[in-house]
Amino acid sequence: MPTSRESLTCPIPPRALSRVEAARYCGVGTTLFDRAVADGILPKPFRLYGRVLWCRLAIDEALNMLRDAQQGAAEQAAADSWADWQ
């Protein structure tokens, strides 16, 4: 039986991530990750016995919502700018 994720012959993406893994998954360092969690931008962790873990799917959902909100704001700013120009 493999003892680590790296030794799996059929890689399965983990559903639960440690803090370091979650930060890496988001593409940021742990300090920025901690700040985004504290600010409510990213989800809070859950506990599995003694482990503190983040749900990868919840992170995906939070990042999608952030992206959509920023795209909506950018589109609105472009529309407002266009309206001001006319």
PDB file of N, CA and C in Angstrom:
ATOM      1  N   MET A   1       0.841  -1.181   0.000  1.00  0.00           N
ATOM      2  CA  MET A   1       0.000   0.000   0.000  1.00  0.00           C
ATOM      3  C   MET A   1       0.884   1.240   0.000  1.00  0.00           C
ATOM      4  N   PRO A   2       0.653   2.194  -0.912  1.00  0.00           N
ATOM      5  CA  PRO A   2       1.477   3.393  -0.943  1.00  0.00           C
ATOM      6  C   PRO A   2       1.352   4.191   0.349  1.00  0.00           C
ATOM      7  N   THR A   3       2.455   4.818   0.749  1.00  0.00           N
ATOM      8  CA  THR A   3       2.440   5.585   1.992  1.00  0.00           C
ATOM      9  C   THR A   3       2.323   7.083   1.757  1.00  0.00           C
ATOM     10  N   SER A   4       2.449   7.539   0.515  1.00  0.00           N
ATOM     11  CA  SER A   4       2.317   8.969   0.238  1.00  0.00           C
ATOM     12  C   SER A   4       1.591   9.174  -1.084  1.00  0.00           C
ATOM     13  N   ARG A   5       1.076  10.387  -1.281  1.00  0.00           N
ATOM     14  CA  ARG A   5       0.345  10.686  -2.519  1.00  0.00           C
ATOM     15  C   ARG A   5       1.235  10.553  -3.751  1.00  0.00           C
ATOM     16  N   GLU A   6       2.512  10.890  -3.597  1.00  0.00           N
ATOM     17  CA  GLU A   6       3.419  10.853  -4.743  1.00  0.00           C
ATOM     18  C   GLU A   6       3.648   9.428  -5.242  1.00  0.00           C
ATOM     19  N   SER A   7       3.477   8.438  -4.382  1.00  0.00           N
ATOM     20  CA  SER A   7       3.778   7.069  -4.793  1.00  0.00           C
ATOM     21  C   SER A   7       2.558   6.346  -5.374  1.00  0.00           C
ATOM     22  N   LEU A   8       1.421   7.009  -5.477  1.00  0.00           N
ATOM     23  CA  LEU A   8       0.259   6.370  -6.091  1.00  0.00           C
ATOM     24  C   LEU A   8       0.512   6.137  -7.571  1.00  0.00           C
ATOM     25  N   THR A   9       0.120   4.972  -8.064  1.00  0.00           N
ATOM     26  CA  THR A   9       0.322   4.689  -9.477  1.00  0.00           C
ATOM     27  C   THR A   9      -0.758   5.348 -10.331  1.00  0.00           C
ATOM     28  N   CYS A  10      -1.943   5.552  -9.788  1.00  0.00           N
ATOM     29  CA  CYS A  10      -3.031   6.224 -10.481  1.00  0.00           C
ATOM     30  C   CYS A  10      -3.349   7.495  -9.703  1.00  0.00           C
ATOM     31  N   PRO A  11      -2.799   8.632 -10.132  1.00  0.00           N
ATOM     32  CA  PRO A  11      -2.971   9.842  -9.323  1.00  0.00           C
ATOM     33  C   PRO A  11      -4.440  10.255  -9.208  1.00  0.00           C
ATOM     34  N   ILE A  12      -4.858  10.457  -7.985  1.00  0.00           N
ATOM     35  CA  ILE A  12      -6.208  10.911  -7.689  1.00  0.00           C
ATOM     36  C   ILE A  12      -6.069  12.252  -6.990  1.00  0.00           C
ATOM     37  N   PRO A  13      -6.705  13.307  -7.527  1.00  0.00           N
ATOM     38  CA  PRO A  13      -6.566  14.599  -6.845  1.00  0.00           C
ATOM     39  C   PRO A  13      -7.191  14.528  -5.458  1.00  0.00           C
ATOM     40  N   PRO A  14      -6.484  15.002  -4.445  1.00  0.00           N
ATOM     41  CA  PRO A  14      -7.033  14.941  -3.096  1.00  0.00           C
ATOM     42  C   PRO A  14      -8.233  15.869  -2.944  1.00  0.00           C
ATOM     43  N   ARG A  15      -9.223  15.440  -2.202  1.00  0.00           N
ATOM     44  CA  ARG A  15     -10.410  16.255  -1.939  1.00  0.00           C
ATOM     45  C   ARG A  15     -10.136  17.227  -0.801  1.00  0.00           C
ATOM     46  N   ALA A  16      -9.337  16.805   0.163  1.00  0.00           N
ATOM     47  CA  ALA A  16      -8.996  17.635   1.316  1.00  0.00           C
ATOM     48  C   ALA A  16      -7.516  17.982   1.251  1.00  0.00           C
ATOM     49  N   LEU A  17      -7.221  19.258   1.527  1.00  0.00           N
ATOM     50  CA  LEU A  17      -5.855  19.758   1.404  1.00  0.00           C
ATOM     51  C   LEU A  17      -5.380  20.353   2.725  1.00  0.00           C
ATOM     52  N   SER A  18      -4.111  20.167   3.012  1.00  0.00           N
ATOM     53  CA  SER A  18      -3.513  20.846   4.159  1.00  0.00           C
ATOM     54  C   SER A  18      -3.400  22.339   3.833  1.00  0.00           C
ATOM     55  N   ARG A  19      -3.044  23.134   4.803  1.00  0.00           N
ATOM     56  CA  ARG A  19      -2.900  24.579   4.592  1.00  0.00           C
ATOM     57  C   ARG A  19      -1.881  24.881   3.492  1.00  0.00           C
ATOM     58  N   VAL A  20      -0.744  24.232   3.546  1.00  0.00           N
ATOM     59  CA  VAL A  20       0.308  24.461   2.541  1.00  0.00           C
ATOM     60  C   VAL A  20      -0.167  24.005   1.168  1.00  0.00           C
ATOM     61  N   GLU A  21      -0.802  22.837   1.106  1.00  0.00           N
ATOM     62  CA  GLU A  21      -1.321  22.334  -0.169  1.00  0.00           C
ATOM     63  C   GLU A  21      -2.413  23.248  -0.717  1.00  0.00           C
ATOM     64  N   ALA A  22      -3.294  23.732   0.155  1.00  0.00           N
ATOM     65  CA  ALA A  22      -4.378  24.607  -0.278  1.00  0.00           C
ATOM     66  C   ALA A  22      -3.829  25.928  -0.816  1.00  0.00           C
ATOM     67  N   ALA A  23      -2.855  26.478  -0.139  1.00  0.00           N
ATOM     68  CA  ALA A  23      -2.238  27.719  -0.617  1.00  0.00           C
ATOM     69  C   ALA A  23      -1.582  27.487  -1.978  1.00  0.00           C
ATOM     70  N   ARG A  24      -0.855  26.403  -2.103  1.00  0.00           N
ATOM     71  CA  ARG A  24      -0.202  26.064  -3.369  1.00  0.00           C
ATOM     72  C   ARG A  24      -1.248  25.847  -4.471  1.00  0.00           C
ATOM     73  N   TYR A  25      -2.355  25.202  -4.124  1.00  0.00           N
ATOM     74  CA  TYR A  25      -3.438  24.955  -5.078  1.00  0.00           C
ATOM     75  C   TYR A  25      -4.014  26.281  -5.591  1.00  0.00           C
ATOM     76  N   CYS A  26      -4.086  27.270  -4.712  1.00  0.00           N
ATOM     77  CA  CYS A  26      -4.590  28.598  -5.096  1.00  0.00           C
ATOM     78  C   CYS A  26      -3.543  29.417  -5.840  1.00  0.00           C
ATOM     79  N   GLY A  27      -2.296  28.986  -5.773  1.00  0.00           N
ATOM     80  CA  GLY A  27      -1.230  29.712  -6.461  1.00  0.00           C
ATOM     81  C   GLY A  27      -0.690  30.883  -5.662  1.00  0.00           C
ATOM     82  N   VAL A  28      -0.851  30.831  -4.344  1.00  0.00           N
ATOM     83  CA  VAL A  28      -0.373  31.913  -3.481  1.00  0.00           C
ATOM     84  C   VAL A  28       0.432  31.320  -2.342  1.00  0.00           C
ATOM     85  N   GLY A  29       1.115  32.180  -1.617  1.00  0.00           N
ATOM     86  CA  GLY A  29       1.842  31.746  -0.434  1.00  0.00           C
ATOM     87  C   GLY A  29       0.904  31.569   0.747  1.00  0.00           C
ATOM     88  N   THR A  30       1.428  30.986   1.809  1.00  0.00           N
ATOM     89  CA  THR A  30       0.588  30.711   2.971  1.00  0.00           C
ATOM     90  C   THR A  30       0.119  31.986   3.670  1.00  0.00           C
ATOM     91  N   THR A  31       0.921  33.041   3.655  1.00  0.00           N
ATOM     92  CA  THR A  31       0.519  34.291   4.311  1.00  0.00           C
ATOM     93  C   THR A  31      -0.684  34.905   3.607  1.00  0.00           C
ATOM     94  N   LEU A  32      -0.634  34.992   2.288  1.00  0.00           N
ATOM     95  CA  LEU A  32      -1.761  35.532   1.530  1.00  0.00           C
ATOM     96  C   LEU A  32      -2.974  34.609   1.638  1.00  0.00           C
ATOM     97  N   PHE A  33      -2.741  33.315   1.651  1.00  0.00           N
ATOM     98  CA  PHE A  33      -3.831  32.356   1.816  1.00  0.00           C
ATOM     99  C   PHE A  33      -4.525  32.568   3.156  1.00  0.00           C
ATOM    100  N   ASP A  34      -3.738  32.690   4.230  1.00  0.00           N
ATOM    101  CA  ASP A  34      -4.303  32.918   5.559  1.00  0.00           C
ATOM    102  C   ASP A  34      -5.122  34.211   5.593  1.00  0.00           C
ATOM    103  N   ARG A  35      -4.624  35.237   4.942  1.00  0.00           N
ATOM    104  CA  ARG A  35      -5.334  36.522   4.897  1.00  0.00           C
ATOM    105  C   ARG A  35      -6.663  36.385   4.160  1.00  0.00           C
ATOM    106  N   ALA A  36      -6.662  35.672   3.033  1.00  0.00           N
ATOM    107  CA  ALA A  36      -7.891  35.480   2.255  1.00  0.00           C
ATOM    108  C   ALA A  36      -8.912  34.661   3.047  1.00  0.00           C
ATOM    109  N   VAL A  37      -8.462  33.700   3.829  1.00  0.00           N
ATOM    110  CA  VAL A  37      -9.365  32.915   4.675  1.00  0.00           C
ATOM    111  C   VAL A  37      -9.927  33.810   5.782  1.00  0.00           C
ATOM    112  N   ALA A  38      -9.065  34.587   6.431  1.00  0.00           N
ATOM    113  CA  ALA A  38      -9.501  35.477   7.512  1.00  0.00           C
ATOM    114  C   ALA A  38     -10.489  36.527   7.005  1.00  0.00           C
ATOM    115  N   ASP A  39     -10.298  36.995   5.767  1.00  0.00           N
ATOM    116  CA  ASP A  39     -11.180  38.008   5.178  1.00  0.00           C
ATOM    117  C   ASP A  39     -12.464  37.414   4.603  1.00  0.00           C
ATOM    118  N   GLY A  40     -12.581  36.086   4.620  1.00  0.00           N
ATOM    119  CA  GLY A  40     -13.785  35.430   4.119  1.00  0.00           C
ATOM    120  C   GLY A  40     -13.818  35.249   2.607  1.00  0.00           C
ATOM    121  N   ILE A  41     -12.709  35.513   1.944  1.00  0.00           N
ATOM    122  CA  ILE A  41     -12.633  35.327   0.492  1.00  0.00           C
ATOM    123  C   ILE A  41     -12.535  33.840   0.164  1.00  0.00           C
ATOM    124  N   LEU A  42     -11.760  33.130   0.953  1.00  0.00           N
ATOM    125  CA  LEU A  42     -11.616  31.684   0.809  1.00  0.00           C
ATOM    126  C   LEU A  42     -12.271  30.997   2.000  1.00  0.00           C
ATOM    127  N   PRO A  43     -12.694  29.748   1.827  1.00  0.00           N
ATOM    128  CA  PRO A  43     -13.419  29.059   2.896  1.00  0.00           C
ATOM    129  C   PRO A  43     -12.544  28.744   4.102  1.00  0.00           C
ATOM    130  N   LYS A  44     -13.204  28.609   5.226  1.00  0.00           N
ATOM    131  CA  LYS A  44     -12.522  28.197   6.447  1.00  0.00           C
ATOM    132  C   LYS A  44     -12.289  26.691   6.399  1.00  0.00           C
ATOM    133  N   PRO A  45     -11.318  26.201   7.157  1.00  0.00           N
ATOM    134  CA  PRO A  45     -11.023  24.769   7.160  1.00  0.00           C
ATOM    135  C   PRO A  45     -12.019  23.994   8.008  1.00  0.00           C
ATOM    136  N   PHE A  46     -11.927  22.690   7.917  1.00  0.00           N
ATOM    137  CA  PHE A  46     -12.662  21.792   8.791  1.00  0.00           C
ATOM    138  C   PHE A  46     -11.653  20.858   9.444  1.00  0.00           C
ATOM    139  N   ARG A  47     -12.088  20.163  10.479  1.00  0.00           N
ATOM    140  CA  ARG A  47     -11.198  19.237  11.184  1.00  0.00           C
ATOM    141  C   ARG A  47     -11.604  17.796  10.928  1.00  0.00           C
ATOM    142  N   LEU A  48     -10.618  16.995  10.672  1.00  0.00           N
ATOM    143  CA  LEU A  48     -10.800  15.547  10.596  1.00  0.00           C
ATOM    144  C   LEU A  48      -9.851  14.963  11.638  1.00  0.00           C
ATOM    145  N   TYR A  49     -10.431  14.590  12.776  1.00  0.00           N
ATOM    146  CA  TYR A  49      -9.646  14.219  13.952  1.00  0.00           C
ATOM    147  C   TYR A  49      -8.717  15.389  14.267  1.00  0.00           C
ATOM    148  N   GLY A  50      -7.430  15.212  14.233  1.00  0.00           N
ATOM    149  CA  GLY A  50      -6.524  16.300  14.572  1.00  0.00           C
ATOM    150  C   GLY A  50      -6.057  17.137  13.398  1.00  0.00           C
ATOM    151  N   ARG A  51      -6.451  16.750  12.189  1.00  0.00           N
ATOM    152  CA  ARG A  51      -5.988  17.449  10.986  1.00  0.00           C
ATOM    153  C   ARG A  51      -6.888  18.627  10.649  1.00  0.00           C
ATOM    154  N   VAL A  52      -6.286  19.741  10.262  1.00  0.00           N
ATOM    155  CA  VAL A  52      -7.014  20.913   9.768  1.00  0.00           C
ATOM    156  C   VAL A  52      -6.898  20.861   8.247  1.00  0.00           C
ATOM    157  N   LEU A  53      -8.057  20.796   7.577  1.00  0.00           N
ATOM    158  CA  LEU A  53      -8.072  20.586   6.132  1.00  0.00           C
ATOM    159  C   LEU A  53      -9.018  21.555   5.439  1.00  0.00           C
ATOM    160  N   TRP A  54      -8.728  21.823   4.172  1.00  0.00           N
ATOM    161  CA  TRP A  54      -9.594  22.636   3.318  1.00  0.00           C
ATOM    162  C   TRP A  54     -10.157  21.753   2.222  1.00  0.00           C
ATOM    163  N   CYS A  55     -11.428  21.941   1.917  1.00  0.00           N
ATOM    164  CA  CYS A  55     -12.076  21.206   0.845  1.00  0.00           C
ATOM    165  C   CYS A  55     -11.694  21.836  -0.489  1.00  0.00           C
ATOM    166  N   ARG A  56     -11.097  21.047  -1.355  1.00  0.00           N
ATOM    167  CA  ARG A  56     -10.679  21.544  -2.667  1.00  0.00           C
ATOM    168  C   ARG A  56     -11.858  22.087  -3.463  1.00  0.00           C
ATOM    169  N   LEU A  57     -13.006  21.429  -3.383  1.00  0.00           N
ATOM    170  CA  LEU A  57     -14.182  21.880  -4.133  1.00  0.00           C
ATOM    171  C   LEU A  57     -14.703  23.215  -3.608  1.00  0.00           C
ATOM    172  N   ALA A  58     -14.630  23.426  -2.291  1.00  0.00           N
ATOM    173  CA  ALA A  58     -15.047  24.709  -1.713  1.00  0.00           C
ATOM    174  C   ALA A  58     -14.094  25.818  -2.147  1.00  0.00           C
ATOM    175  N   ILE A  59     -12.818  25.499  -2.257  1.00  0.00           N
ATOM    176  CA  ILE A  59     -11.844  26.482  -2.747  1.00  0.00           C
ATOM    177  C   ILE A  59     -12.158  26.822  -4.198  1.00  0.00           C
ATOM    178  N   ASP A  60     -12.444  25.805  -5.010  1.00  0.00           N
ATOM    179  CA  ASP A  60     -12.801  26.055  -6.413  1.00  0.00           C
ATOM    180  C   ASP A  60     -14.014  26.980  -6.504  1.00  0.00           C
ATOM    181  N   GLU A  61     -15.021  26.711  -5.693  1.00  0.00           N
ATOM    182  CA  GLU A  61     -16.242  27.525  -5.715  1.00  0.00           C
ATOM    183  C   GLU A  61     -15.949  28.967  -5.314  1.00  0.00           C
ATOM    184  N   ALA A  62     -15.145  29.152  -4.279  1.00  0.00           N
ATOM    185  CA  ALA A  62     -14.800  30.502  -3.825  1.00  0.00           C
ATOM    186  C   ALA A  62     -14.006  31.249  -4.893  1.00  0.00           C
ATOM    187  N   LEU A  63     -13.058  30.572  -5.528  1.00  0.00           N
ATOM    188  CA  LEU A  63     -12.264  31.226  -6.570  1.00  0.00           C
ATOM    189  C   LEU A  63     -13.116  31.556  -7.786  1.00  0.00           C
ATOM    190  N   ASN A  64     -14.053  30.682  -8.139  1.00  0.00           N
ATOM    191  CA  ASN A  64     -14.963  30.967  -9.252  1.00  0.00           C
ATOM    192  C   ASN A  64     -15.835  32.181  -8.949  1.00  0.00           C
ATOM    193  N   MET A  65     -16.337  32.271  -7.717  1.00  0.00           N
ATOM    194  CA  MET A  65     -17.172  33.420  -7.336  1.00  0.00           C
ATOM    195  C   MET A  65     -16.353  34.713  -7.368  1.00  0.00           C
ATOM    196  N   LEU A  66     -15.115  34.659  -6.904  1.00  0.00           N
ATOM    197  CA  LEU A  66     -14.242  35.832  -6.929  1.00  0.00           C
ATOM    198  C   LEU A  66     -13.973  36.261  -8.366  1.00  0.00           C
ATOM    199  N   ARG A  67     -13.658  35.300  -9.221  1.00  0.00           N
ATOM    200  CA  ARG A  67     -13.415  35.603 -10.633  1.00  0.00           C
ATOM    201  C   ARG A  67     -14.646  36.216 -11.281  1.00  0.00           C
ATOM    202  N   ASP A  68     -15.807  35.622 -11.055  1.00  0.00           N
ATOM    203  CA  ASP A  68     -17.044  36.130 -11.653  1.00  0.00           C
ATOM    204  C   ASP A  68     -17.365  37.532 -11.166  1.00  0.00           C
ATOM    205  N   ALA A  69     -17.157  37.802  -9.879  1.00  0.00           N
ATOM    206  CA  ALA A  69     -17.426  39.130  -9.319  1.00  0.00           C
ATOM    207  C   ALA A  69     -16.483  40.162  -9.937  1.00  0.00           C
ATOM    208  N   GLN A  70     -15.227  39.802 -10.101  1.00  0.00           N
ATOM    209  CA  GLN A  70     -14.270  40.741 -10.684  1.00  0.00           C
ATOM    210  C   GLN A  70     -14.544  40.966 -12.156  1.00  0.00           C
ATOM    211  N   GLN A  71     -14.945  39.921 -12.876  1.00  0.00           N
ATOM    212  CA  GLN A  71     -15.283  40.097 -14.291  1.00  0.00           C
ATOM    213  C   GLN A  71     -16.514  40.974 -14.433  1.00  0.00           C
ATOM    214  N   GLY A  72     -17.499  40.774 -13.571  1.00  0.00           N
ATOM    215  CA  GLY A  72     -18.699  41.595 -13.608  1.00  0.00           C
ATOM    216  C   GLY A  72     -18.382  43.047 -13.323  1.00  0.00           C
ATOM    217  N   ALA A  73     -17.501  43.301 -12.359  1.00  0.00           N
ATOM    218  CA  ALA A  73     -17.107  44.670 -12.027  1.00  0.00           C
ATOM    219  C   ALA A  73     -16.341  45.305 -13.188  1.00  0.00           C
ATOM    220  N   ALA A  74     -15.480  44.532 -13.839  1.00  0.00           N
ATOM    221  CA  ALA A  74     -14.717  45.061 -14.969  1.00  0.00           C
ATOM    222  C   ALA A  74     -15.639  45.382 -16.138  1.00  0.00           C
ATOM    223  N   GLU A  75     -16.607  44.507 -16.394  1.00  0.00           N
ATOM    224  CA  GLU A  75     -17.560  44.759 -17.480  1.00  0.00           C
ATOM    225  C   GLU A  75     -18.414  45.993 -17.182  1.00  0.00           C
ATOM    226  N   GLN A  76     -18.816  46.163 -15.920  1.00  0.00           N
ATOM    227  CA  GLN A  76     -19.610  47.332 -15.547  1.00  0.00           C
ATOM    228  C   GLN A  76     -18.785  48.603 -15.693  1.00  0.00           C
ATOM    229  N   ALA A  77     -17.521  48.555 -15.293  1.00  0.00           N
ATOM    230  CA  ALA A  77     -16.651  49.726 -15.416  1.00  0.00           C
ATOM    231  C   ALA A  77     -16.457  50.091 -16.886  1.00  0.00           C
ATOM    232  N   ALA A  78     -16.309  49.091 -17.752  1.00  0.00           N
ATOM    233  CA  ALA A  78     -16.158  49.351 -19.182  1.00  0.00           C
ATOM    234  C   ALA A  78     -17.435  49.966 -19.745  1.00  0.00           C
ATOM    235  N   ALA A  79     -18.585  49.450 -19.323  1.00  0.00           N
ATOM    236  CA  ALA A  79     -19.865  49.998 -19.797  1.00  0.00           C
ATOM    237  C   ALA A  79     -20.045  51.430 -19.310  1.00  0.00           C
ATOM    238  N   ASP A  80     -19.686  51.699 -18.068  1.00  0.00           N
ATOM    239  CA  ASP A  80     -19.795  53.053 -17.527  1.00  0.00           C
ATOM    240  C   ASP A  80     -18.863  54.005 -18.272  1.00  0.00           C
ATOM    241  N   SER A  81     -17.664  53.536 -18.564  1.00  0.00           N
ATOM    242  CA  SER A  81     -16.702  54.362 -19.293  1.00  0.00           C
ATOM    243  C   SER A  81     -17.208  54.669 -20.692  1.00  0.00           C
ATOM    244  N   TRP A  82     -17.781  53.676 -21.346  1.00  0.00           N
ATOM    245  CA  TRP A  82     -18.336  53.856 -22.684  1.00  0.00           C
ATOM    246  C   TRP A  82     -19.493  54.860 -22.653  1.00  0.00           C
ATOM    247  N   ALA A  83     -20.350  54.759 -21.634  1.00  0.00           N
ATOM    248  CA  ALA A  83     -21.479  55.669 -21.508  1.00  0.00           C
ATOM    249  C   ALA A  83     -21.007  57.093 -21.270  1.00  0.00           C
ATOM    250  N   ASP A  84     -19.944  57.267 -20.478  1.00  0.00           N
ATOM    251  CA  ASP A  84     -19.394  58.601 -20.218  1.00  0.00           C
ATOM    252  C   ASP A  84     -18.791  59.207 -21.483  1.00  0.00           C
ATOM    253  N   TRP A  85     -18.238  58.369 -22.339  1.00  0.00           N
ATOM    254  CA  TRP A  85     -17.577  58.847 -23.549  1.00  0.00           C
ATOM    255  C   TRP A  85     -18.596  59.374 -24.549  1.00  0.00           C
ATOM    256  N   GLN A  86     -19.794  58.788 -24.544  1.00  0.00           N
ATOM    257  CA  GLN A  86     -20.807  59.196 -25.520  1.00  0.00           C
ATOM    258  C   GLN A  86     -21.498  60.378 -25.053  1.00  0.00           C
TER     259      GLN A  86
END
